Amino acid sequence: MSWIETNEAIFRLSVFVAVLAVMLLAEWRRPKRPLTRTRRERWRGNISLTVFNTLTLRLFAPLTAVGTAAWAQTHHVGVFNVLALPEAFAVIVTLVLMDLAIWYQHKLFHQWPWLWRLHLVHHADMDIDVTTGARFHTVEIWLSMLIKCLVVMMLGAPVMGVILFETLLSGMAMFNHSNVAVPKQIDEWLRRVIVTPDMHRVHHSTRFHECNANYGFNLSCWDRWFGTYVPQPRKGHKGMRIGLAEVSQATDASHILGMLRLPLRWRILQRAYQNNKETQAHEPSHRHIQKPR
């Protein structure tokens, strides 16, 4: 076993802290948008929810994605274990296919109303920065882990591949949710391969057709290939509104208890669904038109 496999927790935590520190510094030095709420107000809720989710998974989840990979390897379960493919090849394919699985999972959480009730906690943040990348409802985190475990089991994904994917997923989530002004030429070059902050920020727009686009977290190709790519927000990145029009109270958007109970707010959900349906029916799509930044 490699050092990364035997020291998974240290490796993942080290990368997480390093990426977080870099993005926080970048947000401070080159912010893309002015924040509508103070960092203290938002970070208290976002970080509290992230810590709570991490603790519940560690304490109560019977298996993580990495644990599932180890189990599948021991019991020779999954495509890669049955075919006995070279590990390097299996790791690369694991990174690509699991990224596709997460892209499709994200799309389903927007399309299925009962999943959207959970996922809207992520979108209710009225600003977007590095902490938004880990802001998810606890039930969504558990469902996401279950989906990843099933994909890992079917693939027979190698332990190294799953560790690298989980590390990459958390790092990229912080990167593309960051409030960083990436130079235009660099952004255009990067988004040919990966999801950039400008590309993903469109996904947090209050406009329906923009919110239901750019689902990727890592590779940018899936949105291009499956017709869900919107290059720029119609009003530009500084003019766009972030969050959900139906959720405007700080207790719902910034406090941990408000976020946890948000999926139970039936009136908000019904109004959001009706507004989205009406907007979709009357608003033309401009997915492939380049808009001002």
C-alpha atoms as a PDB file:
ATOM      1  CA  MET A   1       0.000   0.000   0.000  1.00  0.00           C
ATOM      2  CA  SER A   2       1.158   3.540  -0.716  1.00  0.00           C
ATOM      3  CA  TRP A   3       1.657   6.274   1.845  1.00  0.00           C
ATOM      4  CA  ILE A   4      -1.533   7.980   0.665  1.00  0.00           C
ATOM      5  CA  GLU A   5      -3.602   4.848   1.307  1.00  0.00           C
ATOM      6  CA  THR A   6      -2.164   4.234   4.766  1.00  0.00           C
ATOM      7  CA  ASN A   7      -2.432   7.923   5.715  1.00  0.00           C
ATOM      8  CA  GLU A   8      -5.690   8.805   3.963  1.00  0.00           C
ATOM      9  CA  ALA A   9      -7.026  11.136   6.671  1.00  0.00           C
ATOM     10  CA  ILE A  10      -3.784  13.114   6.935  1.00  0.00           C
ATOM     11  CA  PHE A  11      -3.451  13.370   3.153  1.00  0.00           C
ATOM     12  CA  ARG A  12      -7.012  14.560   2.580  1.00  0.00           C
ATOM     13  CA  LEU A  13      -6.938  17.002   5.482  1.00  0.00           C
ATOM     14  CA  SER A  14      -3.598  18.454   4.340  1.00  0.00           C
ATOM     15  CA  VAL A  15      -4.865  19.050   0.809  1.00  0.00           C
ATOM     16  CA  PHE A  16      -8.126  20.495   2.140  1.00  0.00           C
ATOM     17  CA  VAL A  17      -6.348  22.975   4.415  1.00  0.00           C
ATOM     18  CA  ALA A  18      -3.869  23.956   1.692  1.00  0.00           C
ATOM     19  CA  VAL A  19      -6.577  24.622  -0.915  1.00  0.00           C
ATOM     20  CA  LEU A  20      -8.712  26.463   1.630  1.00  0.00           C
ATOM     21  CA  ALA A  21      -5.809  28.730   2.628  1.00  0.00           C
ATOM     22  CA  VAL A  22      -4.912  29.511  -0.990  1.00  0.00           C
ATOM     23  CA  MET A  23      -8.493  30.317  -1.972  1.00  0.00           C
ATOM     24  CA  LEU A  24      -9.101  32.453   1.111  1.00  0.00           C
ATOM     25  CA  LEU A  25      -5.999  34.479   0.277  1.00  0.00           C
ATOM     26  CA  ALA A  26      -7.071  34.769  -3.374  1.00  0.00           C
ATOM     27  CA  GLU A  27     -10.566  35.914  -2.368  1.00  0.00           C
ATOM     28  CA  TRP A  28      -9.060  38.559  -0.122  1.00  0.00           C
ATOM     29  CA  ARG A  29      -6.590  39.841  -2.733  1.00  0.00           C
ATOM     30  CA  ARG A  30      -8.747  39.531  -5.888  1.00  0.00           C
ATOM     31  CA  PRO A  31     -12.479  39.342  -5.054  1.00  0.00           C
ATOM     32  CA  LYS A  32     -14.838  39.008  -8.013  1.00  0.00           C
ATOM     33  CA  ARG A  33     -17.966  40.423  -6.377  1.00  0.00           C
ATOM     34  CA  PRO A  34     -18.700  42.516  -3.270  1.00  0.00           C
ATOM     35  CA  LEU A  35     -20.462  40.444  -0.599  1.00  0.00           C
ATOM     36  CA  THR A  36     -24.025  41.318   0.397  1.00  0.00           C
ATOM     37  CA  ARG A  37     -23.574  39.879   3.915  1.00  0.00           C
ATOM     38  CA  THR A  38     -20.640  39.834   6.278  1.00  0.00           C
ATOM     39  CA  ARG A  39     -18.299  36.862   6.271  1.00  0.00           C
ATOM     40  CA  ARG A  40     -18.857  36.388   9.984  1.00  0.00           C
ATOM     41  CA  GLU A  41     -22.598  36.019   9.511  1.00  0.00           C
ATOM     42  CA  ARG A  42     -22.343  33.543   6.648  1.00  0.00           C
ATOM     43  CA  TRP A  43     -19.252  31.605   7.670  1.00  0.00           C
ATOM     44  CA  ARG A  44     -20.651  30.843  11.106  1.00  0.00           C
ATOM     45  CA  GLY A  45     -23.560  28.953   9.530  1.00  0.00           C
ATOM     46  CA  ASN A  46     -21.678  27.423   6.599  1.00  0.00           C
ATOM     47  CA  ILE A  47     -18.772  26.151   8.692  1.00  0.00           C
ATOM     48  CA  SER A  48     -21.064  24.891  11.468  1.00  0.00           C
ATOM     49  CA  LEU A  49     -23.086  22.895   8.946  1.00  0.00           C
ATOM     50  CA  THR A  50     -19.909  21.485   7.365  1.00  0.00           C
ATOM     51  CA  VAL A  51     -18.536  20.365  10.728  1.00  0.00           C
ATOM     52  CA  PHE A  52     -21.883  18.840  11.706  1.00  0.00           C
ATOM     53  CA  ASN A  53     -22.073  16.897   8.434  1.00  0.00           C
ATOM     54  CA  THR A  54     -18.505  15.637   8.778  1.00  0.00           C
ATOM     55  CA  LEU A  55     -19.083  14.437  12.345  1.00  0.00           C
ATOM     56  CA  THR A  56     -22.328  12.626  11.489  1.00  0.00           C
ATOM     57  CA  LEU A  57     -20.651  10.797   8.615  1.00  0.00           C
ATOM     58  CA  ARG A  58     -17.643   9.819  10.706  1.00  0.00           C
ATOM     59  CA  LEU A  59     -19.735   8.660  13.652  1.00  0.00           C
ATOM     60  CA  PHE A  60     -22.720   6.989  12.017  1.00  0.00           C
ATOM     61  CA  ALA A  61     -21.948   6.043   8.392  1.00  0.00           C
ATOM     62  CA  PRO A  62     -21.306   2.273   8.205  1.00  0.00           C
ATOM     63  CA  LEU A  63     -19.061   2.697   5.162  1.00  0.00           C
ATOM     64  CA  THR A  64     -17.448   5.588   3.333  1.00  0.00           C
ATOM     65  CA  ALA A  65     -16.588   5.516  -0.360  1.00  0.00           C
ATOM     66  CA  VAL A  66     -12.998   4.579   0.507  1.00  0.00           C
ATOM     67  CA  GLY A  67     -14.163   1.831   2.852  1.00  0.00           C
ATOM     68  CA  THR A  68     -16.456   0.491   0.140  1.00  0.00           C
ATOM     69  CA  ALA A  69     -13.539   0.369  -2.297  1.00  0.00           C
ATOM     70  CA  ALA A  70     -11.478  -1.630   0.205  1.00  0.00           C
ATOM     71  CA  TRP A  71     -14.381  -4.041   0.794  1.00  0.00           C
ATOM     72  CA  ALA A  72     -14.982  -4.504  -2.950  1.00  0.00           C
ATOM     73  CA  GLN A  73     -11.300  -5.182  -3.510  1.00  0.00           C
ATOM     74  CA  THR A  74     -11.197  -7.812  -0.748  1.00  0.00           C
ATOM     75  CA  HIS A  75     -14.324  -9.572  -2.015  1.00  0.00           C
ATOM     76  CA  HIS A  76     -13.520  -9.162  -5.750  1.00  0.00           C
ATOM     77  CA  VAL A  77     -16.667  -7.179  -6.446  1.00  0.00           C
ATOM     78  CA  GLY A  78     -17.027  -4.791  -9.372  1.00  0.00           C
ATOM     79  CA  VAL A  79     -15.861  -4.512 -12.961  1.00  0.00           C
ATOM     80  CA  PHE A  80     -12.240  -3.569 -12.304  1.00  0.00           C
ATOM     81  CA  ASN A  81     -11.729  -6.350  -9.753  1.00  0.00           C
ATOM     82  CA  VAL A  82     -13.280  -8.993 -11.995  1.00  0.00           C
ATOM     83  CA  LEU A  83     -11.268  -7.968 -15.062  1.00  0.00           C
ATOM     84  CA  ALA A  84      -8.066  -7.440 -13.050  1.00  0.00           C
ATOM     85  CA  LEU A  85      -7.193  -4.279 -14.961  1.00  0.00           C
ATOM     86  CA  PRO A  86      -3.899  -2.423 -14.326  1.00  0.00           C
ATOM     87  CA  GLU A  87      -4.272  -0.172 -11.298  1.00  0.00           C
ATOM     88  CA  ALA A  88      -3.069   2.986 -13.047  1.00  0.00           C
ATOM     89  CA  PHE A  89      -5.690   2.538 -15.777  1.00  0.00           C
ATOM     90  CA  ALA A  90      -8.389   1.755 -13.211  1.00  0.00           C
ATOM     91  CA  VAL A  91      -7.507   4.876 -11.210  1.00  0.00           C
ATOM     92  CA  ILE A  92      -7.798   7.152 -14.258  1.00  0.00           C
ATOM     93  CA  VAL A  93     -11.099   5.634 -15.361  1.00  0.00           C
ATOM     94  CA  THR A  94     -12.387   5.870 -11.781  1.00  0.00           C
ATOM     95  CA  LEU A  95     -11.651   9.602 -11.672  1.00  0.00           C
ATOM     96  CA  VAL A  96     -13.503  10.191 -14.949  1.00  0.00           C
ATOM     97  CA  LEU A  97     -16.532   7.956 -14.344  1.00  0.00           C
ATOM     98  CA  MET A  98     -17.080   9.073 -10.772  1.00  0.00           C
ATOM     99  CA  ASP A  99     -16.936  12.688 -11.917  1.00  0.00           C
ATOM    100  CA  LEU A 100     -19.628  11.880 -14.492  1.00  0.00           C
ATOM    101  CA  ALA A 101     -21.693  10.180 -11.767  1.00  0.00           C
ATOM    102  CA  ILE A 102     -21.485  13.269  -9.552  1.00  0.00           C
ATOM    103  CA  TRP A 103     -22.464  15.474 -12.506  1.00  0.00           C
ATOM    104  CA  TYR A 104     -25.563  13.355 -13.141  1.00  0.00           C
ATOM    105  CA  GLN A 105     -26.389  13.203  -9.432  1.00  0.00           C
ATOM    106  CA  HIS A 106     -26.234  16.990  -9.291  1.00  0.00           C
ATOM    107  CA  LYS A 107     -28.581  17.249 -12.263  1.00  0.00           C
ATOM    108  CA  LEU A 108     -31.083  14.888 -10.606  1.00  0.00           C
ATOM    109  CA  PHE A 109     -31.039  16.968  -7.433  1.00  0.00           C
ATOM    110  CA  HIS A 110     -32.291  19.868  -9.550  1.00  0.00           C
ATOM    111  CA  GLN A 111     -34.868  17.890 -11.515  1.00  0.00           C
ATOM    112  CA  TRP A 112     -36.573  15.779  -8.835  1.00  0.00           C
ATOM    113  CA  PRO A 113     -38.646  17.964  -6.463  1.00  0.00           C
ATOM    114  CA  TRP A 114     -37.982  15.864  -3.339  1.00  0.00           C
ATOM    115  CA  LEU A 115     -34.236  16.044  -3.965  1.00  0.00           C
ATOM    116  CA  TRP A 116     -34.386  19.742  -4.782  1.00  0.00           C
ATOM    117  CA  ARG A 117     -35.898  20.351  -1.324  1.00  0.00           C
ATOM    118  CA  LEU A 118     -32.583  19.209   0.114  1.00  0.00           C
ATOM    119  CA  HIS A 119     -30.293  20.747  -2.478  1.00  0.00           C
ATOM    120  CA  LEU A 120     -31.823  24.222  -2.243  1.00  0.00           C
ATOM    121  CA  VAL A 121     -29.963  24.631   1.069  1.00  0.00           C
ATOM    122  CA  HIS A 122     -26.794  24.865  -1.020  1.00  0.00           C
ATOM    123  CA  HIS A 123     -28.378  27.441  -3.343  1.00  0.00           C
ATOM    124  CA  ALA A 124     -29.935  29.522  -0.572  1.00  0.00           C
ATOM    125  CA  ASP A 125     -26.568  31.104   0.233  1.00  0.00           C
ATOM    126  CA  MET A 126     -27.026  34.756  -0.745  1.00  0.00           C
ATOM    127  CA  ASP A 127     -23.330  35.081  -1.590  1.00  0.00           C
ATOM    128  CA  ILE A 128     -20.920  32.531  -2.980  1.00  0.00           C
ATOM    129  CA  ASP A 129     -17.404  31.961  -1.718  1.00  0.00           C
ATOM    130  CA  VAL A 130     -15.075  29.141  -0.716  1.00  0.00           C
ATOM    131  CA  THR A 131     -17.313  28.094   2.218  1.00  0.00           C
ATOM    132  CA  THR A 132     -20.309  27.590  -0.079  1.00  0.00           C
ATOM    133  CA  GLY A 133     -18.543  24.598  -1.620  1.00  0.00           C
ATOM    134  CA  ALA A 134     -19.145  22.530   1.521  1.00  0.00           C
ATOM    135  CA  ARG A 135     -22.584  23.897   2.429  1.00  0.00           C
ATOM    136  CA  PHE A 136     -25.072  21.041   1.931  1.00  0.00           C
ATOM    137  CA  HIS A 137     -27.991  19.683   3.910  1.00  0.00           C
ATOM    138  CA  THR A 138     -27.051  16.713   6.090  1.00  0.00           C
ATOM    139  CA  VAL A 139     -29.509  14.375   4.363  1.00  0.00           C
ATOM    140  CA  GLU A 140     -28.068  15.323   0.974  1.00  0.00           C
ATOM    141  CA  ILE A 141     -24.572  14.521   2.246  1.00  0.00           C
ATOM    142  CA  TRP A 142     -25.747  11.069   3.343  1.00  0.00           C
ATOM    143  CA  LEU A 143     -27.523  10.410   0.031  1.00  0.00           C
ATOM    144  CA  SER A 144     -24.458  11.556  -1.885  1.00  0.00           C
ATOM    145  CA  MET A 145     -22.257   9.175   0.109  1.00  0.00           C
ATOM    146  CA  LEU A 146     -24.673   6.309  -0.577  1.00  0.00           C
ATOM    147  CA  ILE A 147     -24.610   7.045  -4.311  1.00  0.00           C
ATOM    148  CA  LYS A 148     -20.808   7.198  -4.329  1.00  0.00           C
ATOM    149  CA  CYS A 149     -20.594   3.880  -2.461  1.00  0.00           C
ATOM    150  CA  LEU A 150     -22.872   2.219  -5.023  1.00  0.00           C
ATOM    151  CA  VAL A 151     -20.823   3.576  -7.938  1.00  0.00           C
ATOM    152  CA  VAL A 152     -17.577   2.469  -6.267  1.00  0.00           C
ATOM    153  CA  MET A 153     -18.987  -1.018  -5.688  1.00  0.00           C
ATOM    154  CA  MET A 154     -20.208  -1.416  -9.263  1.00  0.00           C
ATOM    155  CA  LEU A 155     -16.897  -0.245 -10.689  1.00  0.00           C
ATOM    156  CA  GLY A 156     -14.757  -2.119  -8.205  1.00  0.00           C
ATOM    157  CA  ALA A 157     -12.864   1.160  -8.028  1.00  0.00           C
ATOM    158  CA  PRO A 158      -9.353   0.944  -6.557  1.00  0.00           C
ATOM    159  CA  VAL A 159      -8.814   2.480  -3.119  1.00  0.00           C
ATOM    160  CA  MET A 160      -6.226   4.918  -4.487  1.00  0.00           C
ATOM    161  CA  GLY A 161      -8.632   6.104  -7.181  1.00  0.00           C
ATOM    162  CA  VAL A 162     -11.398   6.781  -4.659  1.00  0.00           C
ATOM    163  CA  ILE A 163      -9.074   8.638  -2.271  1.00  0.00           C
ATOM    164  CA  LEU A 164      -7.830  10.826  -5.112  1.00  0.00           C
ATOM    165  CA  PHE A 165     -11.374  11.447  -6.321  1.00  0.00           C
ATOM    166  CA  GLU A 166     -12.681  12.416  -2.887  1.00  0.00           C
ATOM    167  CA  THR A 167      -9.700  14.734  -2.395  1.00  0.00           C
ATOM    168  CA  LEU A 168     -10.148  16.255  -5.849  1.00  0.00           C
ATOM    169  CA  LEU A 169     -13.886  16.701  -5.343  1.00  0.00           C
ATOM    170  CA  SER A 170     -13.536  18.686  -2.119  1.00  0.00           C
ATOM    171  CA  GLY A 171     -10.651  20.744  -3.485  1.00  0.00           C
ATOM    172  CA  MET A 172     -12.408  21.606  -6.733  1.00  0.00           C
ATOM    173  CA  ALA A 173     -15.625  22.469  -4.880  1.00  0.00           C
ATOM    174  CA  MET A 174     -13.718  25.073  -2.888  1.00  0.00           C
ATOM    175  CA  PHE A 175     -11.952  26.353  -6.009  1.00  0.00           C
ATOM    176  CA  ASN A 176     -14.973  26.792  -8.263  1.00  0.00           C
ATOM    177  CA  HIS A 177     -17.185  28.234  -5.515  1.00  0.00           C
ATOM    178  CA  SER A 178     -14.571  30.822  -4.589  1.00  0.00           C
ATOM    179  CA  ASN A 179     -15.200  34.522  -5.043  1.00  0.00           C
ATOM    180  CA  VAL A 180     -12.017  34.987  -7.040  1.00  0.00           C
ATOM    181  CA  ALA A 181     -11.514  37.218 -10.063  1.00  0.00           C
ATOM    182  CA  VAL A 182      -9.705  34.923 -12.482  1.00  0.00           C
ATOM    183  CA  PRO A 183      -8.258  36.832 -15.464  1.00  0.00           C
ATOM    184  CA  LYS A 184     -10.411  36.366 -18.567  1.00  0.00           C
ATOM    185  CA  GLN A 185      -7.773  34.666 -20.720  1.00  0.00           C
ATOM    186  CA  ILE A 186      -6.817  32.244 -17.952  1.00  0.00           C
ATOM    187  CA  ASP A 187     -10.477  31.454 -17.282  1.00  0.00           C
ATOM    188  CA  GLU A 188     -11.141  30.761 -20.969  1.00  0.00           C
ATOM    189  CA  TRP A 189      -8.155  28.432 -21.112  1.00  0.00           C
ATOM    190  CA  LEU A 190      -8.930  26.602 -17.865  1.00  0.00           C
ATOM    191  CA  ARG A 191     -12.629  26.029 -18.553  1.00  0.00           C
ATOM    192  CA  ARG A 192     -11.768  24.008 -21.623  1.00  0.00           C
ATOM    193  CA  VAL A 193     -10.851  21.264 -19.155  1.00  0.00           C
ATOM    194  CA  ILE A 194     -12.063  22.103 -15.643  1.00  0.00           C
ATOM    195  CA  VAL A 195     -14.887  24.049 -14.036  1.00  0.00           C
ATOM    196  CA  THR A 196     -13.743  27.554 -13.125  1.00  0.00           C
ATOM    197  CA  PRO A 197     -15.264  29.947 -10.550  1.00  0.00           C
ATOM    198  CA  ASP A 198     -16.823  32.046 -13.326  1.00  0.00           C
ATOM    199  CA  MET A 199     -18.329  28.976 -14.959  1.00  0.00           C
ATOM    200  CA  HIS A 200     -19.841  27.588 -11.777  1.00  0.00           C
ATOM    201  CA  ARG A 201     -21.002  30.961 -10.442  1.00  0.00           C
ATOM    202  CA  VAL A 202     -23.584  31.010 -13.231  1.00  0.00           C
ATOM    203  CA  HIS A 203     -25.145  27.938 -11.614  1.00  0.00           C
ATOM    204  CA  HIS A 204     -25.898  29.958  -8.451  1.00  0.00           C
ATOM    205  CA  SER A 205     -27.889  32.605 -10.310  1.00  0.00           C
ATOM    206  CA  THR A 206     -31.489  33.257  -9.287  1.00  0.00           C
ATOM    207  CA  ARG A 207     -32.458  33.023 -12.975  1.00  0.00           C
ATOM    208  CA  PHE A 208     -34.022  29.643 -13.665  1.00  0.00           C
ATOM    209  CA  HIS A 209     -32.236  28.685 -16.899  1.00  0.00           C
ATOM    210  CA  GLU A 210     -28.875  29.736 -15.435  1.00  0.00           C
ATOM    211  CA  CYS A 211     -29.399  27.901 -12.147  1.00  0.00           C
ATOM    212  CA  ASN A 212     -30.245  24.738 -14.089  1.00  0.00           C
ATOM    213  CA  ALA A 213     -26.988  24.702 -16.014  1.00  0.00           C
ATOM    214  CA  ASN A 214     -23.254  24.150 -15.420  1.00  0.00           C
ATOM    215  CA  TYR A 215     -23.694  21.193 -13.064  1.00  0.00           C
ATOM    216  CA  GLY A 216     -20.062  20.112 -13.173  1.00  0.00           C
ATOM    217  CA  PHE A 217     -17.648  20.323 -10.250  1.00  0.00           C
ATOM    218  CA  ASN A 218     -14.441  19.126 -11.889  1.00  0.00           C
ATOM    219  CA  LEU A 219     -14.426  18.343 -15.621  1.00  0.00           C
ATOM    220  CA  SER A 220     -16.206  20.927 -17.763  1.00  0.00           C
ATOM    221  CA  CYS A 221     -16.865  18.598 -20.704  1.00  0.00           C
ATOM    222  CA  TRP A 222     -20.065  17.043 -19.324  1.00  0.00           C
ATOM    223  CA  ASP A 223     -22.064  20.275 -19.523  1.00  0.00           C
ATOM    224  CA  ARG A 224     -20.795  20.949 -23.031  1.00  0.00           C
ATOM    225  CA  TRP A 225     -21.569  17.420 -24.253  1.00  0.00           C
ATOM    226  CA  PHE A 226     -25.004  17.152 -22.638  1.00  0.00           C
ATOM    227  CA  GLY A 227     -26.276  20.631 -23.540  1.00  0.00           C
ATOM    228  CA  THR A 228     -26.329  22.207 -20.068  1.00  0.00           C
ATOM    229  CA  TYR A 229     -23.539  24.736 -20.579  1.00  0.00           C
ATOM    230  CA  VAL A 230     -24.155  28.476 -20.147  1.00  0.00           C
ATOM    231  CA  PRO A 231     -20.950  30.492 -20.757  1.00  0.00           C
ATOM    232  CA  GLN A 232     -21.835  33.666 -18.844  1.00  0.00           C
ATOM    233  CA  PRO A 233     -24.757  35.067 -16.835  1.00  0.00           C
ATOM    234  CA  ARG A 234     -27.043  37.387 -18.778  1.00  0.00           C
ATOM    235  CA  LYS A 235     -26.450  40.310 -16.405  1.00  0.00           C
ATOM    236  CA  GLY A 236     -22.729  39.684 -16.003  1.00  0.00           C
ATOM    237  CA  HIS A 237     -21.016  38.342 -12.900  1.00  0.00           C
ATOM    238  CA  LYS A 238     -21.217  41.609 -10.995  1.00  0.00           C
ATOM    239  CA  GLY A 239     -24.815  42.293 -11.995  1.00  0.00           C
ATOM    240  CA  MET A 240     -26.247  38.819 -11.436  1.00  0.00           C
ATOM    241  CA  ARG A 241     -28.177  37.983  -8.296  1.00  0.00           C
ATOM    242  CA  ILE A 242     -27.036  34.939  -6.333  1.00  0.00           C
ATOM    243  CA  GLY A 243     -29.180  32.678  -4.177  1.00  0.00           C
ATOM    244  CA  LEU A 244     -32.894  31.910  -4.245  1.00  0.00           C
ATOM    245  CA  ALA A 245     -35.468  34.653  -4.713  1.00  0.00           C
ATOM    246  CA  GLU A 246     -37.802  32.739  -2.368  1.00  0.00           C
ATOM    247  CA  VAL A 247     -35.290  32.616   0.504  1.00  0.00           C
ATOM    248  CA  SER A 248     -34.263  36.047   1.710  1.00  0.00           C
ATOM    249  CA  GLN A 249     -34.265  35.762   5.503  1.00  0.00           C
ATOM    250  CA  ALA A 250     -30.856  35.512   7.153  1.00  0.00           C
ATOM    251  CA  THR A 251     -32.183  32.841   9.537  1.00  0.00           C
ATOM    252  CA  ASP A 252     -33.007  30.594   6.573  1.00  0.00           C
ATOM    253  CA  ALA A 253     -29.877  31.312   4.563  1.00  0.00           C
ATOM    254  CA  SER A 254     -27.132  31.791   7.144  1.00  0.00           C
ATOM    255  CA  HIS A 255     -27.989  29.999  10.399  1.00  0.00           C
ATOM    256  CA  ILE A 256     -27.458  26.260  10.772  1.00  0.00           C
ATOM    257  CA  LEU A 257     -30.898  25.569  12.262  1.00  0.00           C
ATOM    258  CA  GLY A 258     -32.568  27.576   9.519  1.00  0.00           C
ATOM    259  CA  MET A 259     -30.655  25.652   6.860  1.00  0.00           C
ATOM    260  CA  LEU A 260     -31.493  22.261   8.378  1.00  0.00           C
ATOM    261  CA  ARG A 261     -35.213  23.008   8.547  1.00  0.00           C
ATOM    262  CA  LEU A 262     -35.403  24.766   5.168  1.00  0.00           C
ATOM    263  CA  PRO A 263     -36.540  21.606   3.277  1.00  0.00           C
ATOM    264  CA  LEU A 264     -39.608  21.545   5.541  1.00  0.00           C
ATOM    265  CA  ARG A 265     -40.691  25.053   4.583  1.00  0.00           C
ATOM    266  CA  TRP A 266     -43.511  23.944   2.303  1.00  0.00           C
ATOM    267  CA  ARG A 267     -44.781  27.390   1.351  1.00  0.00           C
ATOM    268  CA  ILE A 268     -41.355  28.477   0.185  1.00  0.00           C
ATOM    269  CA  LEU A 269     -40.924  25.279  -1.808  1.00  0.00           C
ATOM    270  CA  GLN A 270     -44.316  25.498  -3.463  1.00  0.00           C
ATOM    271  CA  ARG A 271     -43.757  29.149  -4.394  1.00  0.00           C
ATOM    272  CA  ALA A 272     -40.291  28.340  -5.739  1.00  0.00           C
ATOM    273  CA  TYR A 273     -41.646  25.505  -7.866  1.00  0.00           C
ATOM    274  CA  GLN A 274     -44.422  27.672  -9.315  1.00  0.00           C
ATOM    275  CA  ASN A 275     -42.045  30.557 -10.049  1.00  0.00           C
ATOM    276  CA  ASN A 276     -39.569  28.220 -11.739  1.00  0.00           C
ATOM    277  CA  LYS A 277     -42.292  26.633 -13.855  1.00  0.00           C
ATOM    278  CA  GLU A 278     -43.609  30.004 -14.994  1.00  0.00           C
ATOM    279  CA  THR A 279     -40.101  31.325 -15.663  1.00  0.00           C
ATOM    280  CA  GLN A 280     -39.185  28.259 -17.688  1.00  0.00           C
ATOM    281  CA  ALA A 281     -42.301  28.671 -19.801  1.00  0.00           C
ATOM    282  CA  HIS A 282     -41.698  32.333 -20.656  1.00  0.00           C
ATOM    283  CA  GLU A 283     -37.938  32.885 -20.490  1.00  0.00           C
ATOM    284  CA  PRO A 284     -35.966  32.123 -23.671  1.00  0.00           C
ATOM    285  CA  SER A 285     -32.790  30.102 -23.338  1.00  0.00           C
ATOM    286  CA  HIS A 286     -29.452  31.763 -24.114  1.00  0.00           C
ATOM    287  CA  ARG A 287     -27.169  28.901 -23.187  1.00  0.00           C
ATOM    288  CA  HIS A 288     -24.655  29.275 -25.984  1.00  0.00           C
ATOM    289  CA  ILE A 289     -24.540  33.067 -26.282  1.00  0.00           C
ATOM    290  CA  GLN A 290     -21.487  34.736 -24.760  1.00  0.00           C
ATOM    291  CA  LYS A 291     -22.607  37.342 -22.245  1.00  0.00           C
ATOM    292  CA  PRO A 292     -20.776  40.266 -20.674  1.00  0.00           C
ATOM    293  CA  ARG A 293     -18.667  39.511 -17.628  1.00  0.00           C
END
